C-alpha atoms as a PDB file:
ATOM      1  CA  MET A   1       0.000   0.000   0.000  1.00  0.00           C
ATOM      2  CA  ASN A   2       1.729   3.154  -1.199  1.00  0.00           C
ATOM      3  CA  ASP A   3       1.639   6.644   0.201  1.00  0.00           C
ATOM      4  CA  VAL A   4       0.357   5.485   3.606  1.00  0.00           C
ATOM      5  CA  GLN A   5       1.313   8.547   5.618  1.00  0.00           C
ATOM      6  CA  PRO A   6      -0.389  11.202   3.421  1.00  0.00           C
ATOM      7  CA  ARG A   7      -3.497   9.037   3.056  1.00  0.00           C
ATOM      8  CA  PHE A   8      -3.600   8.463   6.787  1.00  0.00           C
ATOM      9  CA  LEU A   9      -3.261  12.118   7.665  1.00  0.00           C
ATOM     10  CA  ALA A  10      -6.021  12.970   5.179  1.00  0.00           C
ATOM     11  CA  ALA A  11      -8.349  10.366   6.677  1.00  0.00           C
ATOM     12  CA  VAL A  12      -8.012  10.700  10.427  1.00  0.00           C
ATOM     13  CA  HIS A  13      -7.035  13.141  13.119  1.00  0.00           C
ATOM     14  CA  HIS A  14      -3.409  13.863  13.974  1.00  0.00           C
ATOM     15  CA  GLN A  15      -4.080  12.949  17.604  1.00  0.00           C
ATOM     16  CA  LEU A  16      -4.875   9.370  16.590  1.00  0.00           C
ATOM     17  CA  ASP A  17      -1.575   9.189  14.735  1.00  0.00           C
ATOM     18  CA  ARG A  18       0.270  10.240  17.892  1.00  0.00           C
ATOM     19  CA  ALA A  19      -1.626   7.595  19.859  1.00  0.00           C
ATOM     20  CA  LEU A  20      -0.581   4.938  17.330  1.00  0.00           C
ATOM     21  CA  VAL A  21       3.038   6.037  17.613  1.00  0.00           C
ATOM     22  CA  ASP A  22       2.884   5.651  21.397  1.00  0.00           C
ATOM     23  CA  PHE A  23       1.056   2.315  21.171  1.00  0.00           C
ATOM     24  CA  SER A  24       3.683   0.955  18.792  1.00  0.00           C
ATOM     25  CA  SER A  25       6.466   1.646  21.277  1.00  0.00           C
ATOM     26  CA  HIS A  26       5.078  -0.962  23.683  1.00  0.00           C
ATOM     27  CA  ARG A  27       5.625  -4.734  23.728  1.00  0.00           C
ATOM     28  CA  PRO A  28       3.804  -7.008  23.949  1.00  0.00           C
ATOM     29  CA  VAL A  29       0.677  -5.459  22.457  1.00  0.00           C
ATOM     30  CA  LEU A  30      -2.759  -6.721  21.489  1.00  0.00           C
ATOM     31  CA  VAL A  31      -4.511  -5.548  18.310  1.00  0.00           C
ATOM     32  CA  ALA A  32      -8.216  -6.377  18.574  1.00  0.00           C
ATOM     33  CA  LEU A  33     -10.973  -5.563  16.115  1.00  0.00           C
ATOM     34  CA  ASP A  34     -14.658  -6.179  15.599  1.00  0.00           C
ATOM     35  CA  PHE A  35     -15.598  -7.648  12.212  1.00  0.00           C
ATOM     36  CA  ASP A  36     -18.882  -6.198  10.908  1.00  0.00           C
ATOM     37  CA  GLY A  37     -18.648  -2.455  10.442  1.00  0.00           C
ATOM     38  CA  VAL A  38     -14.880  -2.457  11.052  1.00  0.00           C
ATOM     39  CA  LEU A  39     -13.108  -4.997   8.850  1.00  0.00           C
ATOM     40  CA  ALA A  40     -16.216  -5.550   6.732  1.00  0.00           C
ATOM     41  CA  PRO A  41     -18.648  -2.826   5.607  1.00  0.00           C
ATOM     42  CA  LEU A  42     -22.161  -3.237   6.987  1.00  0.00           C
ATOM     43  CA  ILE A  43     -24.643  -4.715   4.525  1.00  0.00           C
ATOM     44  CA  ASP A  44     -28.275  -5.796   4.772  1.00  0.00           C
ATOM     45  CA  ASP A  45     -27.482  -9.509   4.461  1.00  0.00           C
ATOM     46  CA  PRO A  46     -24.912 -10.515   7.124  1.00  0.00           C
ATOM     47  CA  THR A  47     -24.442 -13.899   5.442  1.00  0.00           C
ATOM     48  CA  ALA A  48     -22.883 -12.086   2.474  1.00  0.00           C
ATOM     49  CA  SER A  49     -20.527  -9.922   4.535  1.00  0.00           C
ATOM     50  CA  ALA A  50     -16.860  -9.897   3.545  1.00  0.00           C
ATOM     51  CA  PRO A  51     -13.799  -8.029   4.859  1.00  0.00           C
ATOM     52  CA  LEU A  52     -11.936  -5.391   2.879  1.00  0.00           C
ATOM     53  CA  PRO A  53      -8.948  -7.169   1.273  1.00  0.00           C
ATOM     54  CA  ASP A  54      -6.476  -4.406   2.156  1.00  0.00           C
ATOM     55  CA  SER A  55      -7.456  -4.632   5.833  1.00  0.00           C
ATOM     56  CA  VAL A  56      -6.980  -8.406   5.851  1.00  0.00           C
ATOM     57  CA  ALA A  57      -3.583  -8.012   4.169  1.00  0.00           C
ATOM     58  CA  ALA A  58      -2.482  -5.460   6.773  1.00  0.00           C
ATOM     59  CA  LEU A  59      -3.640  -7.649   9.669  1.00  0.00           C
ATOM     60  CA  ALA A  60      -1.775 -10.640   8.264  1.00  0.00           C
ATOM     61  CA  GLN A  61       1.441  -8.591   8.246  1.00  0.00           C
ATOM     62  CA  ILE A  62       0.799  -7.069  11.675  1.00  0.00           C
ATOM     63  CA  ALA A  63       0.481 -10.586  13.086  1.00  0.00           C
ATOM     64  CA  THR A  64       4.038 -11.389  11.958  1.00  0.00           C
ATOM     65  CA  VAL A  65       5.618  -8.589  14.016  1.00  0.00           C
ATOM     66  CA  GLU A  66       7.311  -9.918  17.140  1.00  0.00           C
ATOM     67  CA  GLY A  67       5.444  -9.116  20.332  1.00  0.00           C
ATOM     68  CA  VAL A  68       2.156  -8.374  18.558  1.00  0.00           C
ATOM     69  CA  GLU A  69      -0.994 -10.490  18.906  1.00  0.00           C
ATOM     70  CA  VAL A  70      -4.039 -10.066  16.645  1.00  0.00           C
ATOM     71  CA  VAL A  71      -7.576 -11.075  17.652  1.00  0.00           C
ATOM     72  CA  LEU A  72     -11.028 -10.632  16.129  1.00  0.00           C
ATOM     73  CA  VAL A  73     -13.786  -9.987  18.684  1.00  0.00           C
ATOM     74  CA  SER A  74     -17.289 -10.288  17.306  1.00  0.00           C
ATOM     75  CA  GLY A  75     -20.865 -11.111  18.064  1.00  0.00           C
ATOM     76  CA  ARG A  76     -20.745 -13.681  15.273  1.00  0.00           C
ATOM     77  CA  ASP A  77     -20.453 -17.385  15.925  1.00  0.00           C
ATOM     78  CA  ALA A  78     -16.753 -18.294  16.014  1.00  0.00           C
ATOM     79  CA  GLU A  79     -17.004 -20.825  13.182  1.00  0.00           C
ATOM     80  CA  ASP A  80     -18.764 -18.333  10.920  1.00  0.00           C
ATOM     81  CA  LEU A  81     -16.324 -15.559  11.822  1.00  0.00           C
ATOM     82  CA  ALA A  82     -13.278 -17.716  11.120  1.00  0.00           C
ATOM     83  CA  GLY A  83     -14.693 -18.877   7.817  1.00  0.00           C
ATOM     84  CA  ARG A  84     -15.350 -15.431   6.384  1.00  0.00           C
ATOM     85  CA  SER A  85     -12.641 -13.292   8.035  1.00  0.00           C
ATOM     86  CA  GLY A  86      -9.764 -14.181   5.694  1.00  0.00           C
ATOM     87  CA  VAL A  87      -7.190 -13.864   8.480  1.00  0.00           C
ATOM     88  CA  PRO A  88      -4.249 -16.307   8.687  1.00  0.00           C
ATOM     89  CA  ALA A  89      -4.389 -19.721  10.326  1.00  0.00           C
ATOM     90  CA  GLY A  90      -3.705 -19.518  14.046  1.00  0.00           C
ATOM     91  CA  THR A  91      -5.306 -16.091  14.457  1.00  0.00           C
ATOM     92  CA  ARG A  92      -7.299 -15.791  17.671  1.00  0.00           C
ATOM     93  CA  ILE A  93     -11.082 -15.545  17.342  1.00  0.00           C
ATOM     94  CA  ILE A  94     -13.469 -14.498  20.101  1.00  0.00           C
ATOM     95  CA  GLY A  95     -17.067 -15.044  19.018  1.00  0.00           C
ATOM     96  CA  SER A  96     -20.547 -14.568  20.476  1.00  0.00           C
ATOM     97  CA  HIS A  97     -19.450 -11.425  22.354  1.00  0.00           C
ATOM     98  CA  GLY A  98     -16.848 -13.293  24.372  1.00  0.00           C
ATOM     99  CA  ALA A  99     -18.605 -16.630  24.926  1.00  0.00           C
ATOM    100  CA  GLN A 100     -16.574 -18.526  22.306  1.00  0.00           C
ATOM    101  CA  TRP A 101     -12.778 -18.721  22.121  1.00  0.00           C
ATOM    102  CA  ALA A 102     -11.064 -20.188  19.097  1.00  0.00           C
ATOM    103  CA  ARG A 103      -8.244 -20.043  16.578  1.00  0.00           C
ATOM    104  CA  VAL A 104      -8.519 -20.085  12.798  1.00  0.00           C
ATOM    105  CA  SER A 105      -7.841 -23.603  11.517  1.00  0.00           C
ATOM    106  CA  GLU A 106      -4.997 -24.593   9.231  1.00  0.00           C
ATOM    107  CA  GLU A 107      -5.781 -24.587   5.503  1.00  0.00           C
ATOM    108  CA  GLY A 108      -7.502 -27.784   4.437  1.00  0.00           C
ATOM    109  CA  SER A 109      -9.109 -28.437   7.815  1.00  0.00           C
ATOM    110  CA  PRO A 110     -12.768 -29.519   7.636  1.00  0.00           C
ATOM    111  CA  GLU A 111     -13.665 -26.866  10.235  1.00  0.00           C
ATOM    112  CA  ALA A 112     -12.931 -23.164   9.885  1.00  0.00           C
ATOM    113  CA  ALA A 113     -11.945 -22.840  13.538  1.00  0.00           C
ATOM    114  CA  VAL A 114     -10.655 -24.864  16.452  1.00  0.00           C
ATOM    115  CA  ILE A 115     -13.137 -23.816  19.143  1.00  0.00           C
ATOM    116  CA  ASP A 116     -12.758 -24.220  22.890  1.00  0.00           C
ATOM    117  CA  PRO A 117     -15.664 -26.245  24.332  1.00  0.00           C
ATOM    118  CA  LEU A 118     -18.680 -24.208  25.491  1.00  0.00           C
ATOM    119  CA  GLU A 119     -20.868 -26.044  27.985  1.00  0.00           C
ATOM    120  CA  LEU A 120     -24.296 -24.976  29.232  1.00  0.00           C
ATOM    121  CA  ASP A 121     -26.044 -26.452  32.244  1.00  0.00           C
ATOM    122  CA  GLU A 122     -29.568 -27.882  31.991  1.00  0.00           C
ATOM    123  CA  ASP A 123     -31.261 -24.654  33.118  1.00  0.00           C
ATOM    124  CA  GLN A 124     -29.361 -22.660  30.501  1.00  0.00           C
ATOM    125  CA  ARG A 125     -30.250 -25.114  27.749  1.00  0.00           C
ATOM    126  CA  VAL A 126     -33.938 -24.936  28.667  1.00  0.00           C
ATOM    127  CA  LEU A 127     -33.811 -21.135  28.785  1.00  0.00           C
ATOM    128  CA  LEU A 128     -32.080 -20.991  25.393  1.00  0.00           C
ATOM    129  CA  ALA A 129     -34.819 -23.136  23.833  1.00  0.00           C
ATOM    130  CA  GLU A 130     -37.506 -20.905  25.373  1.00  0.00           C
ATOM    131  CA  LEU A 131     -35.779 -17.782  24.062  1.00  0.00           C
ATOM    132  CA  SER A 132     -35.686 -19.266  20.583  1.00  0.00           C
ATOM    133  CA  ARG A 133     -39.357 -20.286  20.647  1.00  0.00           C
ATOM    134  CA  ARG A 134     -40.650 -16.929  21.907  1.00  0.00           C
ATOM    135  CA  THR A 135     -38.471 -14.854  19.581  1.00  0.00           C
ATOM    136  CA  GLU A 136     -39.504 -16.948  16.569  1.00  0.00           C
ATOM    137  CA  GLU A 137     -43.164 -16.316  17.447  1.00  0.00           C
ATOM    138  CA  ILE A 138     -42.577 -12.559  17.500  1.00  0.00           C
ATOM    139  CA  ALA A 139     -40.641 -12.472  14.219  1.00  0.00           C
ATOM    140  CA  ASP A 140     -42.957 -14.893  12.414  1.00  0.00           C
ATOM    141  CA  GLY A 141     -44.753 -13.177   9.544  1.00  0.00           C
ATOM    142  CA  VAL A 142     -42.721  -9.961   9.750  1.00  0.00           C
ATOM    143  CA  GLU A 143     -40.925  -9.550   6.447  1.00  0.00           C
ATOM    144  CA  GLY A 144     -37.233  -8.792   6.885  1.00  0.00           C
ATOM    145  CA  ALA A 145     -37.117  -9.947  10.533  1.00  0.00           C
ATOM    146  CA  TRP A 146     -35.305 -13.195  11.256  1.00  0.00           C
ATOM    147  CA  VAL A 147     -33.901 -15.129  14.181  1.00  0.00           C
ATOM    148  CA  GLN A 148     -30.371 -16.471  14.498  1.00  0.00           C
ATOM    149  CA  ARG A 149     -29.389 -19.192  16.954  1.00  0.00           C
ATOM    150  CA  LYS A 150     -25.938 -19.278  18.539  1.00  0.00           C
ATOM    151  CA  PRO A 151     -24.427 -21.776  20.983  1.00  0.00           C
ATOM    152  CA  ALA A 152     -25.438 -19.626  23.965  1.00  0.00           C
ATOM    153  CA  ALA A 153     -27.683 -16.933  22.500  1.00  0.00           C
ATOM    154  CA  VAL A 154     -30.613 -16.045  20.283  1.00  0.00           C
ATOM    155  CA  VAL A 155     -30.438 -12.973  18.043  1.00  0.00           C
ATOM    156  CA  LEU A 156     -33.265 -11.022  16.458  1.00  0.00           C
ATOM    157  CA  HIS A 157     -32.245  -9.267  13.214  1.00  0.00           C
ATOM    158  CA  THR A 158     -34.358  -6.389  11.894  1.00  0.00           C
ATOM    159  CA  ARG A 159     -32.070  -4.539   9.464  1.00  0.00           C
ATOM    160  CA  THR A 160     -34.400  -5.200   6.514  1.00  0.00           C
ATOM    161  CA  ALA A 161     -37.691  -5.140   8.446  1.00  0.00           C
ATOM    162  CA  GLY A 162     -38.421  -1.485   7.674  1.00  0.00           C
ATOM    163  CA  THR A 163     -40.793   0.356   9.993  1.00  0.00           C
ATOM    164  CA  ARG A 164     -41.929  -2.903  11.615  1.00  0.00           C
ATOM    165  CA  GLY A 165     -38.417  -3.369  12.959  1.00  0.00           C
ATOM    166  CA  VAL A 166     -39.166  -1.043  15.884  1.00  0.00           C
ATOM    167  CA  GLU A 167     -42.355  -2.948  16.721  1.00  0.00           C
ATOM    168  CA  VAL A 168     -40.607  -6.325  16.674  1.00  0.00           C
ATOM    169  CA  THR A 169     -37.667  -5.008  18.700  1.00  0.00           C
ATOM    170  CA  GLU A 170     -39.935  -3.576  21.392  1.00  0.00           C
ATOM    171  CA  ALA A 171     -41.933  -6.811  21.618  1.00  0.00           C
ATOM    172  CA  THR A 172     -38.706  -8.788  21.984  1.00  0.00           C
ATOM    173  CA  THR A 173     -37.142  -6.579  24.649  1.00  0.00           C
ATOM    174  CA  ALA A 174     -40.386  -6.620  26.636  1.00  0.00           C
ATOM    175  CA  GLY A 175     -40.885 -10.362  26.175  1.00  0.00           C
ATOM    176  CA  PRO A 176     -38.157 -13.002  25.841  1.00  0.00           C
ATOM    177  CA  ALA A 177     -35.340 -10.553  26.552  1.00  0.00           C
ATOM    178  CA  ALA A 178     -36.882  -9.818  29.950  1.00  0.00           C
ATOM    179  CA  LEU A 179     -36.813 -13.437  31.142  1.00  0.00           C
ATOM    180  CA  ASP A 180     -34.794 -14.142  34.272  1.00  0.00           C
ATOM    181  CA  GLY A 181     -31.256 -15.248  33.481  1.00  0.00           C
ATOM    182  CA  VAL A 182     -31.124 -13.536  30.093  1.00  0.00           C
ATOM    183  CA  HIS A 183     -28.365 -11.028  29.321  1.00  0.00           C
ATOM    184  CA  THR A 184     -29.565  -8.691  26.544  1.00  0.00           C
ATOM    185  CA  VAL A 185     -27.625  -6.328  24.315  1.00  0.00           C
ATOM    186  CA  VAL A 186     -29.419  -4.116  21.797  1.00  0.00           C
ATOM    187  CA  GLY A 187     -27.187  -3.181  18.864  1.00  0.00           C
ATOM    188  CA  LYS A 188     -27.650  -1.813  15.360  1.00  0.00           C
ATOM    189  CA  ASP A 189     -30.868  -3.508  14.183  1.00  0.00           C
ATOM    190  CA  VAL A 190     -30.218  -6.520  16.422  1.00  0.00           C
ATOM    191  CA  VAL A 191     -31.308  -7.745  19.833  1.00  0.00           C
ATOM    192  CA  GLU A 192     -28.964 -10.380  21.243  1.00  0.00           C
ATOM    193  CA  MET A 193     -30.191 -12.445  24.177  1.00  0.00           C
ATOM    194  CA  SER A 194     -27.626 -14.678  25.848  1.00  0.00           C
ATOM    195  CA  VAL A 195     -27.926 -17.233  28.640  1.00  0.00           C
ATOM    196  CA  LEU A 196     -24.338 -16.405  29.610  1.00  0.00           C
ATOM    197  CA  HIS A 197     -23.386 -13.089  31.181  1.00  0.00           C
ATOM    198  CA  VAL A 198     -20.305 -12.189  29.170  1.00  0.00           C
ATOM    199  CA  THR A 199     -19.250  -9.145  27.157  1.00  0.00           C
ATOM    200  CA  LYS A 200     -16.532  -8.132  24.722  1.00  0.00           C
ATOM    201  CA  GLY A 201     -15.004  -6.161  27.573  1.00  0.00           C
ATOM    202  CA  ASP A 202     -14.783  -9.265  29.753  1.00  0.00           C
ATOM    203  CA  ALA A 203     -13.084 -11.133  26.920  1.00  0.00           C
ATOM    204  CA  LEU A 204     -10.621  -8.323  26.237  1.00  0.00           C
ATOM    205  CA  LEU A 205      -9.604  -8.090  29.899  1.00  0.00           C
ATOM    206  CA  ARG A 206      -9.136 -11.855  30.102  1.00  0.00           C
ATOM    207  CA  LEU A 207      -7.011 -12.001  26.965  1.00  0.00           C
ATOM    208  CA  ARG A 208      -4.947  -9.004  28.012  1.00  0.00           C
ATOM    209  CA  GLU A 209      -4.128 -10.734  31.276  1.00  0.00           C
ATOM    210  CA  GLN A 210      -3.286 -14.015  29.544  1.00  0.00           C
ATOM    211  CA  LEU A 211      -0.888 -12.312  27.145  1.00  0.00           C
ATOM    212  CA  GLY A 212       0.531  -9.797  29.591  1.00  0.00           C
ATOM    213  CA  ALA A 213      -0.125  -7.093  27.008  1.00  0.00           C
ATOM    214  CA  GLU A 214       1.295  -3.686  27.915  1.00  0.00           C
ATOM    215  CA  ALA A 215      -1.091  -1.919  25.551  1.00  0.00           C
ATOM    216  CA  VAL A 216      -4.283  -2.807  23.681  1.00  0.00           C
ATOM    217  CA  LEU A 217      -5.816  -1.325  20.533  1.00  0.00           C
ATOM    218  CA  TYR A 218      -9.502  -1.995  19.950  1.00  0.00           C
ATOM    219  CA  ALA A 219     -11.706  -0.834  17.060  1.00  0.00           C
ATOM    220  CA  GLY A 220     -15.466  -1.334  16.992  1.00  0.00           C
ATOM    221  CA  ASP A 221     -18.611   0.216  15.592  1.00  0.00           C
ATOM    222  CA  ASP A 222     -21.571  -0.931  17.703  1.00  0.00           C
ATOM    223  CA  THR A 223     -23.013  -0.493  21.178  1.00  0.00           C
ATOM    224  CA  THR A 224     -21.636  -3.918  22.137  1.00  0.00           C
ATOM    225  CA  ASP A 225     -18.125  -2.572  21.561  1.00  0.00           C
ATOM    226  CA  GLU A 226     -18.602   0.036  24.265  1.00  0.00           C
ATOM    227  CA  TYR A 227     -17.940  -2.693  26.854  1.00  0.00           C
ATOM    228  CA  ALA A 228     -14.504  -3.181  25.289  1.00  0.00           C
ATOM    229  CA  PHE A 229     -13.779   0.547  25.057  1.00  0.00           C
ATOM    230  CA  ALA A 230     -14.593   0.898  28.763  1.00  0.00           C
ATOM    231  CA  THR A 231     -11.736  -1.442  29.702  1.00  0.00           C
ATOM    232  CA  LEU A 232      -9.070   0.617  27.924  1.00  0.00           C
ATOM    233  CA  ASP A 233      -6.874   3.324  29.416  1.00  0.00           C
ATOM    234  CA  SER A 234      -5.065   5.799  27.168  1.00  0.00           C
ATOM    235  CA  GLY A 235      -2.692   6.478  30.048  1.00  0.00           C
ATOM    236  CA  ARG A 236      -1.337   2.947  29.618  1.00  0.00           C
ATOM    237  CA  GLY A 237      -0.915   3.369  25.867  1.00  0.00           C
ATOM    238  CA  ASP A 238      -4.268   1.841  24.937  1.00  0.00           C
ATOM    239  CA  VAL A 239      -6.072   3.044  21.813  1.00  0.00           C
ATOM    240  CA  SER A 240      -9.860   2.860  21.366  1.00  0.00           C
ATOM    241  CA  ILE A 241     -11.360   3.635  17.949  1.00  0.00           C
ATOM    242  CA  LYS A 242     -15.043   4.038  17.167  1.00  0.00           C
ATOM    243  CA  VAL A 243     -16.003   3.436  13.528  1.00  0.00           C
ATOM    244  CA  GLY A 244     -18.987   5.506  12.388  1.00  0.00           C
ATOM    245  CA  ASP A 245     -21.371   7.818  14.206  1.00  0.00           C
ATOM    246  CA  GLY A 246     -23.147   7.533  17.549  1.00  0.00           C
ATOM    247  CA  ASP A 247     -22.238   8.217  21.158  1.00  0.00           C
ATOM    248  CA  THR A 248     -19.110   6.441  22.336  1.00  0.00           C
ATOM    249  CA  GLY A 249     -16.586   6.061  25.091  1.00  0.00           C
ATOM    250  CA  ALA A 250     -13.813   5.553  22.551  1.00  0.00           C
ATOM    251  CA  ALA A 251     -11.016   8.102  22.497  1.00  0.00           C
ATOM    252  CA  TYR A 252     -10.857   8.330  18.705  1.00  0.00           C
ATOM    253  CA  ARG A 253     -13.215   8.042  15.760  1.00  0.00           C
ATOM    254  CA  VAL A 254     -13.018   7.258  12.050  1.00  0.00           C
ATOM    255  CA  ASP A 255     -15.922   7.269   9.630  1.00  0.00           C
ATOM    256  CA  THR A 256     -15.741   4.036   7.667  1.00  0.00           C
ATOM    257  CA  PRO A 257     -14.098   0.588   7.422  1.00  0.00           C
ATOM    258  CA  ALA A 258     -12.039   2.005   4.543  1.00  0.00           C
ATOM    259  CA  GLU A 259     -10.430   4.413   7.013  1.00  0.00           C
ATOM    260  CA  ILE A 260      -9.671   1.491   9.323  1.00  0.00           C
ATOM    261  CA  THR A 261      -7.733   0.012   6.399  1.00  0.00           C
ATOM    262  CA  VAL A 262      -5.551   3.106   6.362  1.00  0.00           C
ATOM    263  CA  VAL A 263      -5.160   3.000  10.149  1.00  0.00           C
ATOM    264  CA  LEU A 264      -4.016  -0.631   9.976  1.00  0.00           C
ATOM    265  CA  HIS A 265      -1.397   0.090   7.324  1.00  0.00           C
ATOM    266  CA  ARG A 266      -0.100   3.039   9.317  1.00  0.00           C
ATOM    267  CA  LEU A 267       0.013   0.829  12.414  1.00  0.00           C
ATOM    268  CA  LEU A 268       1.954  -1.820  10.493  1.00  0.00           C
ATOM    269  CA  GLU A 269       4.508   0.777   9.450  1.00  0.00           C
ATOM    270  CA  LEU A 270       4.974   1.960  13.036  1.00  0.00           C
ATOM    271  CA  LEU A 271       5.138  -1.537  14.548  1.00  0.00           C
ATOM    272  CA  ARG A 272       7.810  -2.594  12.059  1.00  0.00           C
ATOM    273  CA  ALA A 273       9.817   0.517  12.800  1.00  0.00           C
ATOM    274  CA  GLY A 274       9.709  -0.230  16.523  1.00  0.00           C
ATOM    275  CA  SER A 275      10.519  -3.939  16.322  1.00  0.00           C
END
């Protein structure tokens, strides 16, 4: 990618560049990113989502720098995330908002990811089935609304439901999402109801401790990413980046996934210079 510095300075604020310079002086560091809306532009059909090739290429190179660990942290199921992310084999994957931990499988493997076991007790399994049944009843017959099942959660999608999306969302938050034992997160045109109380912030703290990371960079675009932003401290060299509009606790903001591509290439340049 040519002309990184001028493109970077044209795309984002100088203060973010200074934060990246400081971040790159630390070792070890953790580079963590959400997938949808960060590596991949948001589209109506999440099953057709794909990352920007230049971002994937930058991440693959960042992962080769000594003392740098790359992880994708997403609400997606870990298997699905690994299969569509395009990142190298061995890359860490945290799916279902922190409930699933995995690594991308070697090329040729029948599974996209090697996933750590996720076990639910009997009460959680019963609750998950009830969540699925009630949410399906609400979404049934509403064009553009659909229900996704995850290993520990049920997700209502309303991106293409038009004006009825608000009605379905309200019925879900007042109904199945309000059941005892359910942890609910309302994001961009989604309501995710989990039988496990875990967040992206919990996962990021756990991984930081495991790796002994001096500094962490996290980029996200949704309300669920605010839990991760809340764990970061710019005084320690951490960098939090919000992609897109909306209120945020992140220290910095860029407008689009294309600008994240530029950020990643600038970060690669700085990490190589400091290694």
